[in-house]
């Protein structure tokens, strides 16, 4: 039996890149997603809900003294 030589990490990485195994992952990480409200009304509603959530959080913390 002939012994197969072990491939180095560099050779393995080169093979993987040639086969395109990292393509999907690199595409996913390179896309910068910007979350934009559909309209000014939606954006205002998001800010109002965020403010209400913050106030509720602070109020609950004060009540329970956490």
C-alpha atoms as a PDB file:
ATOM      1  CA  UNK A   1       0.000   0.000   0.000  1.00  0.00           C
ATOM      2  CA  UNK A   2       1.265   3.428  -0.910  1.00  0.00           C
ATOM      3  CA  UNK A   3       1.087   5.983   1.858  1.00  0.00           C
ATOM      4  CA  UNK A   4      -0.814   9.147   1.015  1.00  0.00           C
ATOM      5  CA  UNK A   5       1.010  12.288   2.028  1.00  0.00           C
ATOM      6  CA  UNK A   6      -0.911  14.616   4.305  1.00  0.00           C
ATOM      7  CA  UNK A   7      -1.940  17.902   2.777  1.00  0.00           C
ATOM      8  CA  UNK A   8      -0.972  21.093   4.508  1.00  0.00           C
ATOM      9  CA  UNK A   9      -3.611  23.510   5.721  1.00  0.00           C
ATOM     10  CA  UNK A  10      -2.626  25.899   2.951  1.00  0.00           C
ATOM     11  CA  UNK A  11      -3.230  23.222   0.296  1.00  0.00           C
ATOM     12  CA  UNK A  12      -6.576  22.266   1.838  1.00  0.00           C
ATOM     13  CA  UNK A  13      -7.677  25.907   1.959  1.00  0.00           C
ATOM     14  CA  UNK A  14      -6.690  26.360  -1.681  1.00  0.00           C
ATOM     15  CA  UNK A  15      -8.740  23.284  -2.670  1.00  0.00           C
ATOM     16  CA  UNK A  16     -11.747  24.484  -0.712  1.00  0.00           C
ATOM     17  CA  UNK A  17     -11.593  27.899  -2.343  1.00  0.00           C
ATOM     18  CA  UNK A  18     -11.324  26.318  -5.799  1.00  0.00           C
ATOM     19  CA  UNK A  19     -14.402  24.182  -5.126  1.00  0.00           C
ATOM     20  CA  UNK A  20     -16.327  27.247  -3.978  1.00  0.00           C
ATOM     21  CA  UNK A  21     -17.200  25.945  -0.507  1.00  0.00           C
ATOM     22  CA  UNK A  22     -16.561  29.360   1.043  1.00  0.00           C
ATOM     23  CA  UNK A  23     -18.417  31.302  -1.634  1.00  0.00           C
ATOM     24  CA  UNK A  24     -21.798  31.175   0.075  1.00  0.00           C
ATOM     25  CA  UNK A  25     -20.332  32.093   3.460  1.00  0.00           C
ATOM     26  CA  UNK A  26     -18.290  34.975   2.067  1.00  0.00           C
ATOM     27  CA  UNK A  27     -21.303  36.290   0.138  1.00  0.00           C
ATOM     28  CA  UNK A  28     -23.369  36.182   3.324  1.00  0.00           C
ATOM     29  CA  UNK A  29     -20.785  38.028   5.427  1.00  0.00           C
ATOM     30  CA  UNK A  30     -19.906  40.636   2.804  1.00  0.00           C
ATOM     31  CA  UNK A  31     -23.446  41.874   2.367  1.00  0.00           C
ATOM     32  CA  UNK A  32     -24.115  44.771   4.686  1.00  0.00           C
ATOM     33  CA  UNK A  33     -27.765  44.882   5.581  1.00  0.00           C
ATOM     34  CA  UNK A  34     -29.289  48.227   6.374  1.00  0.00           C
ATOM     35  CA  UNK A  35     -32.582  48.150   8.171  1.00  0.00           C
ATOM     36  CA  UNK A  36     -34.704  50.947   6.802  1.00  0.00           C
ATOM     37  CA  UNK A  37     -38.264  51.761   7.738  1.00  0.00           C
ATOM     38  CA  UNK A  38     -40.774  51.562   4.900  1.00  0.00           C
ATOM     39  CA  UNK A  39     -42.017  55.102   5.547  1.00  0.00           C
ATOM     40  CA  UNK A  40     -41.642  58.043   7.900  1.00  0.00           C
ATOM     41  CA  UNK A  41     -44.748  56.902   9.763  1.00  0.00           C
ATOM     42  CA  UNK A  42     -43.225  53.468  10.374  1.00  0.00           C
ATOM     43  CA  UNK A  43     -39.967  55.003  11.541  1.00  0.00           C
ATOM     44  CA  UNK A  44     -41.776  57.274  14.010  1.00  0.00           C
ATOM     45  CA  UNK A  45     -43.703  54.273  15.326  1.00  0.00           C
ATOM     46  CA  UNK A  46     -40.441  52.355  15.838  1.00  0.00           C
ATOM     47  CA  UNK A  47     -38.990  55.224  17.864  1.00  0.00           C
ATOM     48  CA  UNK A  48     -42.157  55.516  19.966  1.00  0.00           C
ATOM     49  CA  UNK A  49     -42.157  51.775  20.703  1.00  0.00           C
ATOM     50  CA  UNK A  50     -38.458  51.892  21.567  1.00  0.00           C
ATOM     51  CA  UNK A  51     -39.066  54.767  23.986  1.00  0.00           C
ATOM     52  CA  UNK A  52     -42.010  52.947  25.591  1.00  0.00           C
ATOM     53  CA  UNK A  53     -39.922  49.766  25.970  1.00  0.00           C
ATOM     54  CA  UNK A  54     -37.117  51.765  27.598  1.00  0.00           C
ATOM     55  CA  UNK A  55     -39.526  53.443  30.026  1.00  0.00           C
ATOM     56  CA  UNK A  56     -41.133  50.100  30.942  1.00  0.00           C
ATOM     57  CA  UNK A  57     -37.695  48.586  31.532  1.00  0.00           C
ATOM     58  CA  UNK A  58     -36.636  51.466  33.805  1.00  0.00           C
ATOM     59  CA  UNK A  59     -39.980  51.392  35.656  1.00  0.00           C
ATOM     60  CA  UNK A  60     -39.741  47.633  36.319  1.00  0.00           C
ATOM     61  CA  UNK A  61     -36.146  48.004  37.507  1.00  0.00           C
ATOM     62  CA  UNK A  62     -37.169  50.707  39.968  1.00  0.00           C
ATOM     63  CA  UNK A  63     -40.079  48.657  41.319  1.00  0.00           C
ATOM     64  CA  UNK A  64     -38.111  45.489  41.884  1.00  0.00           C
ATOM     65  CA  UNK A  65     -34.834  47.201  42.726  1.00  0.00           C
ATOM     66  CA  UNK A  66     -32.787  45.001  40.448  1.00  0.00           C
END
